[in-house]
Structures are given as C-alpha cells and as structure tokens.
C-alpha cells in the first residue's frame, strides 16, 4: 500500500488542494442551467456528507453553486473561506450581504 495523498501546506499555512480532490461538478464554473436543479440536489447531498475540513477546502476552490451552499454553513471558518474564494464575484458578495437568512458574519 502506498502513502495516502495528503494535501500539501502552502507558505501562508493553507493547504494546497490536489487537482482532482473534488469532482469537477463541485469546482467547474458552468453556464449550463438545463440540469441545474438536479446538479444542486446532488451537490447538496455531497456537501452534507462532508466533514468540516473538506467543506473548508471546497469553500476555497468550489464553483458558484458550491459557494452558494457553503455560505449557509454555521461554521464561520467555512463562510470566511467562501468569501475569500478567488472566483467569488462582487455580485455574489452583494447577494450574500443582502440575504437576511445568512449569518451576520457575511454582512461584515
């Protein structure tokens, strides 16, 4: 048996997430809305099964749909990483800040 493929640590202390760690369904940005409802239901099930460390990693590299699910998490570290995702747009931040159902941490 070989060694498990653990994520490497970056100089800033964050883990480098290996290519393919998450399915492309969770990380690729797409404009295809034809199967979006099925995709989100499937994604919701995947996210519910994840532990907190995987949710944090997904928050860093996840696509818009994954970010939309993770921003609702009660764990502030997950939410913080969603907002620091390099692909999060200004429109998403405005939407998150205006959503009364989300934690007050998001608005700050």
Protein backbone atom coordinates (compact mmCIF):
# COMPACT_ATOMS: atom_id res chain seq x y z
CA UNK A 1 0.00 0.00 0.00
CA UNK A 2 1.20 3.47 -0.85
CA UNK A 3 1.13 6.58 1.28
CA UNK A 4 -2.19 8.47 1.33
CA UNK A 5 -2.30 11.59 -0.82
CA UNK A 6 -2.41 14.30 1.85
CA UNK A 7 -2.74 17.94 0.78
CA UNK A 8 0.50 19.92 0.92
CA UNK A 9 0.79 23.04 3.07
CA UNK A 10 1.35 26.38 1.32
CA UNK A 11 3.77 29.01 2.74
CA UNK A 12 0.75 31.01 4.00
CA UNK A 13 -0.29 28.00 6.09
CA UNK A 14 -3.19 26.96 3.87
CA UNK A 15 -3.26 23.52 2.37
CA UNK A 16 -2.64 23.11 -1.33
CA UNK A 17 -5.61 21.14 -2.58
CA UNK A 18 -4.54 18.48 -5.07
CA UNK A 19 -6.00 18.55 -8.58
CA UNK A 20 -9.00 16.23 -8.68
CA UNK A 21 -9.54 16.23 -4.89
CA UNK A 22 -13.17 17.26 -5.56
CA UNK A 23 -15.26 16.24 -8.55
CA UNK A 24 -15.44 18.73 -11.40
CA UNK A 25 -19.15 19.02 -10.64
CA UNK A 26 -18.19 20.92 -7.48
CA UNK A 27 -15.38 23.07 -8.88
CA UNK A 28 -16.02 23.87 -12.55
CA UNK A 29 -17.86 27.10 -13.32
CA UNK A 30 -20.55 26.47 -15.93
CA UNK A 31 -23.38 28.41 -17.51
CA UNK A 32 -25.42 25.27 -18.31
CA UNK A 33 -28.73 25.70 -16.50
CA UNK A 34 -30.54 22.76 -18.10
CA UNK A 35 -29.60 20.30 -15.35
CA UNK A 36 -29.01 22.84 -12.59
CA UNK A 37 -31.78 21.64 -10.22
CA UNK A 38 -30.59 18.03 -10.34
CA UNK A 39 -26.99 19.19 -10.01
CA UNK A 40 -27.73 21.31 -6.92
CA UNK A 41 -29.67 18.49 -5.24
CA UNK A 42 -26.76 16.14 -5.90
CA UNK A 43 -24.29 18.74 -4.65
CA UNK A 44 -26.33 19.32 -1.51
CA UNK A 45 -26.15 15.61 -0.70
CA UNK A 46 -22.37 15.59 -1.26
CA UNK A 47 -21.81 18.65 0.93
CA UNK A 48 -23.98 17.22 3.72
CA UNK A 49 -21.74 14.14 3.85
CA UNK A 50 -18.51 16.18 4.04
CA UNK A 51 -16.64 16.83 7.24
CA UNK A 52 -15.69 20.41 8.14
CA UNK A 53 -12.15 20.18 6.74
CA UNK A 54 -13.47 19.14 3.33
CA UNK A 55 -16.08 21.92 3.43
CA UNK A 56 -13.30 24.43 4.10
CA UNK A 57 -11.28 23.08 1.17
CA UNK A 58 -14.34 23.17 -1.09
CA UNK A 59 -15.05 26.74 0.01
CA UNK A 60 -11.62 27.69 -1.33
CA UNK A 61 -11.97 26.03 -4.75
CA UNK A 62 -15.71 25.47 -5.21
CA UNK A 63 -17.83 26.77 -8.06
CA UNK A 64 -20.74 29.22 -7.70
CA UNK A 65 -23.24 26.51 -6.76
CA UNK A 66 -20.92 25.03 -4.12
CA UNK A 67 -20.23 28.51 -2.71
CA UNK A 68 -23.99 29.13 -2.57
CA UNK A 69 -24.44 26.02 -0.44
CA UNK A 70 -21.42 26.59 1.79
CA UNK A 71 -22.19 30.25 2.55
CA UNK A 72 -25.17 28.96 4.57
CA UNK A 73 -22.96 26.90 6.88
CA UNK A 74 -23.00 27.69 10.60
CA UNK A 75 -19.21 27.25 10.76
CA UNK A 76 -17.66 30.72 10.44
CA UNK A 77 -14.39 29.34 9.03
CA UNK A 78 -16.26 27.76 6.11
CA UNK A 79 -18.14 31.02 5.44
CA UNK A 80 -14.90 33.06 5.65
CA UNK A 81 -13.24 30.79 3.10
CA UNK A 82 -16.22 31.08 0.74
CA UNK A 83 -15.83 34.86 0.80
CA UNK A 84 -12.07 34.55 0.21
CA UNK A 85 -12.53 32.21 -2.78
CA UNK A 86 -10.69 33.90 -5.67
CA UNK A 87 -13.60 33.21 -8.03
CA UNK A 88 -16.31 34.81 -5.87
CA UNK A 89 -17.82 37.76 -7.73
CA UNK A 90 -18.91 41.16 -6.47
CA UNK A 91 -22.49 40.23 -7.40
CA UNK A 92 -22.31 37.14 -5.18
CA UNK A 93 -20.98 39.18 -2.24
CA UNK A 94 -23.78 41.74 -2.65
CA UNK A 95 -26.33 38.91 -2.79
CA UNK A 96 -24.87 37.23 0.31
CA UNK A 97 -24.76 40.52 2.23
CA UNK A 98 -28.39 41.27 1.37
CA UNK A 99 -29.68 37.83 2.34
CA UNK A 100 -31.26 38.10 5.80
CA UNK A 101 -31.12 34.32 6.28
CA UNK A 102 -27.33 34.27 6.28
CA UNK A 103 -25.13 34.84 9.31
CA UNK A 104 -24.31 38.39 10.35
CA UNK A 105 -20.67 37.48 9.69
CA UNK A 106 -21.36 37.54 5.96
CA UNK A 107 -22.53 41.15 6.01
CA UNK A 108 -19.34 42.24 7.76
